[in-house]
Amino acid sequence: MAASGDPAEPGFDAVLARLREVVERLEGGNLSLEDSLRVYEEGVGLARKGHELLDRAEKRVELLVSSAGGVTTAPMPPDEDNGS
């Protein structure tokens, strides 16, 4: 189901799945320069779309939380043990 209610718009899971496919194609190293650029461009668009969908979801959650009793929200602290 799409976040905006537009059935033609892919949801976050679909965007993420396609982005993973794009990354696999780029990492495969079997594309020409032109194909690599085209696929990379698609990946950038997918990443932006995914970020937009996450932002919308975050705003919806904040709205629901604030309307459920005036609870305030705060940003999550950075993950100090990110495995790097």
Protein backbone atom coordinates (compact mmCIF):
# COMPACT_ATOMS: atom_id res chain seq x y z
CA MET A 1 0.00 0.00 0.00
CA ALA A 2 1.37 3.43 -0.92
CA ALA A 3 1.88 6.04 1.77
CA SER A 4 0.15 8.81 -0.17
CA GLY A 5 -2.90 6.72 -1.00
CA ASP A 6 -2.05 6.72 -4.73
CA PRO A 7 -2.21 3.07 -5.81
CA ALA A 8 0.16 3.78 -8.73
CA GLU A 9 2.88 5.02 -6.36
CA PRO A 10 5.12 2.24 -5.01
CA GLY A 11 5.35 1.86 -1.25
CA PHE A 12 8.55 1.89 0.78
CA ASP A 13 9.03 -1.88 0.60
CA ALA A 14 8.78 -1.85 -3.20
CA VAL A 15 11.18 1.08 -3.46
CA LEU A 16 13.67 -0.64 -1.15
CA ALA A 17 13.44 -3.92 -3.05
CA ARG A 18 14.07 -2.16 -6.37
CA LEU A 19 16.95 -0.18 -4.86
CA ARG A 20 18.55 -3.45 -3.74
CA GLU A 21 18.23 -4.78 -7.30
CA VAL A 22 19.89 -1.64 -8.63
CA VAL A 23 22.78 -1.99 -6.18
CA GLU A 24 23.26 -5.64 -7.13
CA ARG A 25 23.36 -4.72 -10.84
CA LEU A 26 25.91 -1.97 -10.22
CA GLU A 27 28.06 -4.18 -8.00
CA GLY A 28 27.96 -6.95 -10.61
CA GLY A 29 30.24 -4.94 -12.86
CA ASN A 30 28.68 -6.30 -16.05
CA LEU A 31 27.13 -3.05 -17.28
CA SER A 32 28.47 -0.69 -19.90
CA LEU A 33 29.27 2.84 -18.84
CA GLU A 34 26.00 4.11 -20.33
CA ASP A 35 23.96 1.39 -18.62
CA SER A 36 25.78 1.99 -15.34
CA LEU A 37 24.93 5.69 -15.47
CA ARG A 38 21.29 4.96 -16.29
CA VAL A 39 20.98 2.41 -13.47
CA TYR A 40 22.82 4.71 -11.05
CA GLU A 41 20.44 7.53 -11.92
CA GLU A 42 17.51 5.23 -11.19
CA GLY A 43 19.08 4.33 -7.85
CA VAL A 44 19.46 7.97 -6.87
CA GLY A 45 15.80 8.56 -7.68
CA LEU A 46 14.79 5.51 -5.65
CA ALA A 47 16.89 6.62 -2.69
CA ARG A 48 15.23 10.05 -2.77
CA LYS A 49 11.78 8.46 -3.01
CA GLY A 50 12.54 6.17 -0.08
CA HIS A 51 13.73 9.12 2.00
CA GLU A 52 10.56 11.03 1.11
CA LEU A 53 8.38 8.08 2.14
CA LEU A 54 10.24 7.75 5.45
CA ASP A 55 9.84 11.47 6.13
CA ARG A 56 6.09 11.22 5.50
CA ALA A 57 5.82 8.21 7.80
CA GLU A 58 7.76 10.03 10.52
CA LYS A 59 5.43 13.03 10.28
CA ARG A 60 2.38 10.77 10.48
CA VAL A 61 3.76 9.07 13.60
CA GLU A 62 4.56 12.42 15.22
CA LEU A 63 1.03 13.60 14.46
CA LEU A 64 -0.50 10.45 15.91
CA VAL A 65 1.65 10.60 19.02
CA SER A 66 0.99 14.29 19.62
CA SER A 67 -2.77 13.88 19.13
CA ALA A 68 -2.85 10.93 21.52
CA GLY A 69 -2.31 12.99 24.65
CA GLY A 70 0.21 15.71 24.00
CA VAL A 71 3.23 13.46 24.20
CA THR A 72 6.33 15.19 22.92
CA THR A 73 8.75 13.58 20.53
CA ALA A 74 12.53 13.80 20.46
CA PRO A 75 15.05 12.61 17.89
CA MET A 76 16.57 9.21 18.52
CA PRO A 77 20.14 9.32 19.78
CA PRO A 78 22.76 8.22 17.25
CA ASP A 79 23.66 4.54 17.33
CA GLU A 80 27.08 4.52 18.99
CA ASP A 81 27.75 0.86 18.17
CA ASN A 82 27.00 0.75 14.44
CA GLY A 83 29.41 -2.07 13.71
CA SER A 84 31.94 0.12 11.88
